[in-house]
C-alpha atoms as a PDB file:
ATOM      1  CA  MET A   1       5.533  20.614  10.823  1.00  0.00           C
ATOM      2  CA  LYS A   2       7.718  18.243  12.481  1.00  0.00           C
ATOM      3  CA  PRO A   3       9.260  15.218  10.828  1.00  0.00           C
ATOM      4  CA  ILE A   4       7.457  12.923  13.397  1.00  0.00           C
ATOM      5  CA  MET A   5       4.139  14.367  12.471  1.00  0.00           C
ATOM      6  CA  ILE A   6       4.832  14.041   8.745  1.00  0.00           C
ATOM      7  CA  VAL A   7       5.767  10.268   9.304  1.00  0.00           C
ATOM      8  CA  GLY A   8       2.489  10.100  11.241  1.00  0.00           C
ATOM      9  CA  VAL A   9       0.235  11.554   8.697  1.00  0.00           C
ATOM     10  CA  PHE A  10       1.925   9.272   6.056  1.00  0.00           C
ATOM     11  CA  LEU A  11       1.082   6.172   8.225  1.00  0.00           C
ATOM     12  CA  ILE A  12      -2.431   7.338   8.656  1.00  0.00           C
ATOM     13  CA  VAL A  13      -3.031   7.535   4.805  1.00  0.00           C
ATOM     14  CA  LEU A  14      -1.162   4.252   4.327  1.00  0.00           C
ATOM     15  CA  GLY A  15      -3.394   2.580   6.906  1.00  0.00           C
ATOM     16  CA  VAL A  16      -6.687   3.883   5.507  1.00  0.00           C
ATOM     17  CA  VAL A  17      -5.593   2.783   2.063  1.00  0.00           C
ATOM     18  CA  ALA A  18      -4.666  -0.712   3.369  1.00  0.00           C
ATOM     19  CA  LEU A  19      -8.100  -1.031   4.970  1.00  0.00           C
ATOM     20  CA  VAL A  20      -9.903   0.276   1.854  1.00  0.00           C
ATOM     21  CA  TYR A  21      -8.283  -1.594  -0.817  1.00  0.00           C
ATOM     22  CA  GLN A  22      -7.134  -4.702   1.074  1.00  0.00           C
ATOM     23  CA  GLY A  23      -4.688  -5.608  -1.614  1.00  0.00           C
ATOM     24  CA  ILE A  24      -2.486  -4.396  -4.497  1.00  0.00           C
ATOM     25  CA  THR A  25      -3.360  -5.907  -8.000  1.00  0.00           C
ATOM     26  CA  TYR A  26      -0.866  -6.138 -10.874  1.00  0.00           C
ATOM     27  CA  THR A  27      -0.893  -7.815 -14.291  1.00  0.00           C
ATOM     28  CA  ILE A  28       1.807  -9.932 -15.846  1.00  0.00           C
ATOM     29  CA  ARG A  29       1.931 -10.525 -19.595  1.00  0.00           C
ATOM     30  CA  GLU A  30       3.571 -13.851 -20.647  1.00  0.00           C
ATOM     31  CA  LYS A  31       4.359 -15.001 -24.223  1.00  0.00           C
ATOM     32  CA  ILE A  32       3.025 -18.519 -24.702  1.00  0.00           C
ATOM     33  CA  ILE A  33       3.847 -18.839 -28.547  1.00  0.00           C
ATOM     34  CA  ASP A  34       6.363 -16.757 -30.530  1.00  0.00           C
ATOM     35  CA  SER A  35       6.445 -18.232 -33.913  1.00  0.00           C
ATOM     36  CA  GLY A  36       7.345 -15.646 -36.336  1.00  0.00           C
ATOM     37  CA  PRO A  37       4.388 -13.111 -37.029  1.00  0.00           C
ATOM     38  CA  ILE A  38       2.348 -15.187 -34.725  1.00  0.00           C
ATOM     39  CA  GLN A  39       2.429 -14.275 -31.155  1.00  0.00           C
ATOM     40  CA  VAL A  40       0.079 -15.457 -28.408  1.00  0.00           C
ATOM     41  CA  THR A  41       0.169 -13.773 -25.043  1.00  0.00           C
ATOM     42  CA  ARG A  42      -1.525 -14.432 -21.757  1.00  0.00           C
ATOM     43  CA  GLU A  43      -2.416 -11.709 -19.030  1.00  0.00           C
ATOM     44  CA  THR A  44      -2.402 -12.887 -15.543  1.00  0.00           C
ATOM     45  CA  ARG A  45      -3.844 -10.783 -12.708  1.00  0.00           C
ATOM     46  CA  LYS A  46      -1.835 -11.201  -9.341  1.00  0.00           C
ATOM     47  CA  ILE A  47      -2.807  -9.879  -6.030  1.00  0.00           C
ATOM     48  CA  ILE A  48      -0.733  -9.057  -3.073  1.00  0.00           C
ATOM     49  CA  PRO A  49      -3.125  -9.182  -0.066  1.00  0.00           C
ATOM     50  CA  LEU A  50      -2.802  -6.684   2.667  1.00  0.00           C
ATOM     51  CA  SER A  51      -3.919  -7.778   5.809  1.00  0.00           C
ATOM     52  CA  PRO A  52      -6.601  -5.438   7.784  1.00  0.00           C
ATOM     53  CA  LEU A  53      -4.219  -5.984  10.670  1.00  0.00           C
ATOM     54  CA  PHE A  54      -1.439  -4.166   8.816  1.00  0.00           C
ATOM     55  CA  GLY A  55      -3.866  -1.228   7.974  1.00  0.00           C
ATOM     56  CA  GLY A  56      -5.020  -1.083  11.621  1.00  0.00           C
ATOM     57  CA  ILE A  57      -1.456  -1.025  13.106  1.00  0.00           C
ATOM     58  CA  ALA A  58      -0.200   1.536  10.498  1.00  0.00           C
ATOM     59  CA  LEU A  59      -3.452   3.801  11.435  1.00  0.00           C
ATOM     60  CA  ALA A  60      -3.000   3.435  15.011  1.00  0.00           C
ATOM     61  CA  GLY A  61       0.858   4.025  14.879  1.00  0.00           C
ATOM     62  CA  GLY A  62       0.253   7.101  12.726  1.00  0.00           C
ATOM     63  CA  ILE A  63      -2.172   8.637  15.215  1.00  0.00           C
ATOM     64  CA  VAL A  64       0.148   7.991  17.944  1.00  0.00           C
ATOM     65  CA  LEU A  65       3.005   9.850  16.168  1.00  0.00           C
ATOM     66  CA  VAL A  66       0.602  12.889  15.360  1.00  0.00           C
ATOM     67  CA  ILE A  67      -0.471  13.027  18.985  1.00  0.00           C
ATOM     68  CA  MET A  68       3.294  12.734  20.196  1.00  0.00           C
ATOM     69  CA  GLY A  69       4.419  15.452  17.650  1.00  0.00           C
ATOM     70  CA  ALA A  70       1.549  17.792  18.817  1.00  0.00           C
ATOM     71  CA  LYS A  71       2.385  17.305  22.372  1.00  0.00           C
ATOM     72  CA  LYS A  72       6.005  18.183  22.031  1.00  0.00           C
ATOM     73  CA  LYS A  73       5.160  21.698  20.652  1.00  0.00           C
ATOM     74  CA  ARG A  74       3.760  22.653  24.155  1.00  0.00           C
END
């Protein structure tokens, strides 16, 4: 498999994941009170939104790269 096709497949997978999940969620733990044996923490969920436009562009670019890689074989 040619490197251009590998990059294309990677972009296709990335595009599909971006379209399905539409965001990356992560959790941050913050210490609010730290007084000897007493500790109070707070968990905050943050989301990095992924635009459907990003997913669509990655998917289309991946398809174009796979087609270009397949045509170069001939």
